[in-house]
């Protein structure tokens, strides 16, 4: 069976802040003999545990702000 083609494009920024394409390729389908007409596509994920730089470049914001909302009494 011919499965649909899925393309993954990953973007990022270089050190000057310019947008760059990091990866652009077709994703191979994952199939099983138990469900021959079905296919899954792994778009994100990894086999090993991710590591993040420890220089605070990838930290989450400490607070989030929400806009004030009008309340009906």
C-alpha atoms as a PDB file:
ATOM      1  CA  UNK A   1       0.000   0.000   0.000  1.00  0.00           C
ATOM      2  CA  UNK A   2       1.180   3.490  -0.836  1.00  0.00           C
ATOM      3  CA  UNK A   3       1.096   5.760   2.236  1.00  0.00           C
ATOM      4  CA  UNK A   4       0.856   9.518   2.048  1.00  0.00           C
ATOM      5  CA  UNK A   5       4.041  11.560   2.059  1.00  0.00           C
ATOM      6  CA  UNK A   6       4.660  13.654   5.167  1.00  0.00           C
ATOM      7  CA  UNK A   7       7.311  16.352   5.225  1.00  0.00           C
ATOM      8  CA  UNK A   8       8.862  17.771   8.414  1.00  0.00           C
ATOM      9  CA  UNK A   9      10.361  21.268   8.354  1.00  0.00           C
ATOM     10  CA  UNK A  10      12.171  22.379  11.523  1.00  0.00           C
ATOM     11  CA  UNK A  11      13.110  26.028  11.895  1.00  0.00           C
ATOM     12  CA  UNK A  12      15.288  27.882  14.350  1.00  0.00           C
ATOM     13  CA  UNK A  13      17.417  30.996  14.703  1.00  0.00           C
ATOM     14  CA  UNK A  14      21.155  31.497  14.317  1.00  0.00           C
ATOM     15  CA  UNK A  15      23.347  33.547  16.651  1.00  0.00           C
ATOM     16  CA  UNK A  16      22.451  36.752  14.794  1.00  0.00           C
ATOM     17  CA  UNK A  17      18.740  36.090  15.319  1.00  0.00           C
ATOM     18  CA  UNK A  18      18.035  35.231  11.678  1.00  0.00           C
ATOM     19  CA  UNK A  19      15.501  32.508  10.955  1.00  0.00           C
ATOM     20  CA  UNK A  20      17.032  29.335   9.536  1.00  0.00           C
ATOM     21  CA  UNK A  21      15.741  26.002   8.295  1.00  0.00           C
ATOM     22  CA  UNK A  22      17.397  23.353  10.466  1.00  0.00           C
ATOM     23  CA  UNK A  23      15.884  20.262   8.853  1.00  0.00           C
ATOM     24  CA  UNK A  24      13.672  19.696   5.821  1.00  0.00           C
ATOM     25  CA  UNK A  25      12.913  16.129   4.759  1.00  0.00           C
ATOM     26  CA  UNK A  26      10.254  13.503   4.204  1.00  0.00           C
ATOM     27  CA  UNK A  27       9.280  11.401   7.229  1.00  0.00           C
ATOM     28  CA  UNK A  28       9.116   7.646   6.747  1.00  0.00           C
ATOM     29  CA  UNK A  29       5.866   5.981   7.811  1.00  0.00           C
ATOM     30  CA  UNK A  30       5.854   3.551  10.736  1.00  0.00           C
ATOM     31  CA  UNK A  31       3.693   0.576   9.819  1.00  0.00           C
ATOM     32  CA  UNK A  32       2.598  -2.655  11.463  1.00  0.00           C
ATOM     33  CA  UNK A  33       1.441  -5.938  10.032  1.00  0.00           C
ATOM     34  CA  UNK A  34      -1.386  -5.893  12.597  1.00  0.00           C
ATOM     35  CA  UNK A  35      -2.918  -2.837  10.888  1.00  0.00           C
ATOM     36  CA  UNK A  36      -1.693  -2.966   7.293  1.00  0.00           C
ATOM     37  CA  UNK A  37      -3.683   0.038   6.048  1.00  0.00           C
ATOM     38  CA  UNK A  38      -2.501   2.382   8.835  1.00  0.00           C
ATOM     39  CA  UNK A  39       0.689   4.399   9.195  1.00  0.00           C
ATOM     40  CA  UNK A  40       2.070   6.638  11.937  1.00  0.00           C
ATOM     41  CA  UNK A  41       4.621   9.391  11.416  1.00  0.00           C
ATOM     42  CA  UNK A  42       7.157  10.371  14.061  1.00  0.00           C
ATOM     43  CA  UNK A  43       7.371  14.129  13.737  1.00  0.00           C
ATOM     44  CA  UNK A  44       8.947  14.936  17.110  1.00  0.00           C
ATOM     45  CA  UNK A  45      10.822  12.906  19.662  1.00  0.00           C
ATOM     46  CA  UNK A  46      14.124  11.305  20.356  1.00  0.00           C
ATOM     47  CA  UNK A  47      15.509   8.056  21.656  1.00  0.00           C
ATOM     48  CA  UNK A  48      17.857   9.608  24.215  1.00  0.00           C
ATOM     49  CA  UNK A  49      17.080  12.006  27.057  1.00  0.00           C
ATOM     50  CA  UNK A  50      17.361  15.639  25.941  1.00  0.00           C
ATOM     51  CA  UNK A  51      20.044  17.876  27.399  1.00  0.00           C
ATOM     52  CA  UNK A  52      19.652  21.622  27.655  1.00  0.00           C
ATOM     53  CA  UNK A  53      22.383  24.223  27.924  1.00  0.00           C
ATOM     54  CA  UNK A  54      22.981  25.406  31.475  1.00  0.00           C
ATOM     55  CA  UNK A  55      23.620  29.036  30.586  1.00  0.00           C
ATOM     56  CA  UNK A  56      19.953  30.079  31.124  1.00  0.00           C
ATOM     57  CA  UNK A  57      19.235  30.620  27.411  1.00  0.00           C
ATOM     58  CA  UNK A  58      16.327  28.142  27.477  1.00  0.00           C
ATOM     59  CA  UNK A  59      14.541  28.956  30.701  1.00  0.00           C
ATOM     60  CA  UNK A  60      10.819  29.365  31.045  1.00  0.00           C
ATOM     61  CA  UNK A  61       9.488  32.769  32.070  1.00  0.00           C
ATOM     62  CA  UNK A  62       9.113  33.165  35.819  1.00  0.00           C
ATOM     63  CA  UNK A  63       5.666  34.809  35.612  1.00  0.00           C
ATOM     64  CA  UNK A  64       2.962  34.990  33.121  1.00  0.00           C
ATOM     65  CA  UNK A  65       0.554  37.860  32.858  1.00  0.00           C
ATOM     66  CA  UNK A  66      -3.044  37.643  31.817  1.00  0.00           C
ATOM     67  CA  UNK A  67      -5.013  40.571  30.525  1.00  0.00           C
ATOM     68  CA  UNK A  68      -7.669  41.913  32.808  1.00  0.00           C
ATOM     69  CA  UNK A  69     -11.104  40.640  31.984  1.00  0.00           C
ATOM     70  CA  UNK A  70     -14.459  42.310  32.441  1.00  0.00           C
ATOM     71  CA  UNK A  71     -16.584  40.585  35.029  1.00  0.00           C
ATOM     72  CA  UNK A  72     -20.338  40.622  35.064  1.00  0.00           C
ATOM     73  CA  UNK A  73     -21.770  40.885  38.581  1.00  0.00           C
END
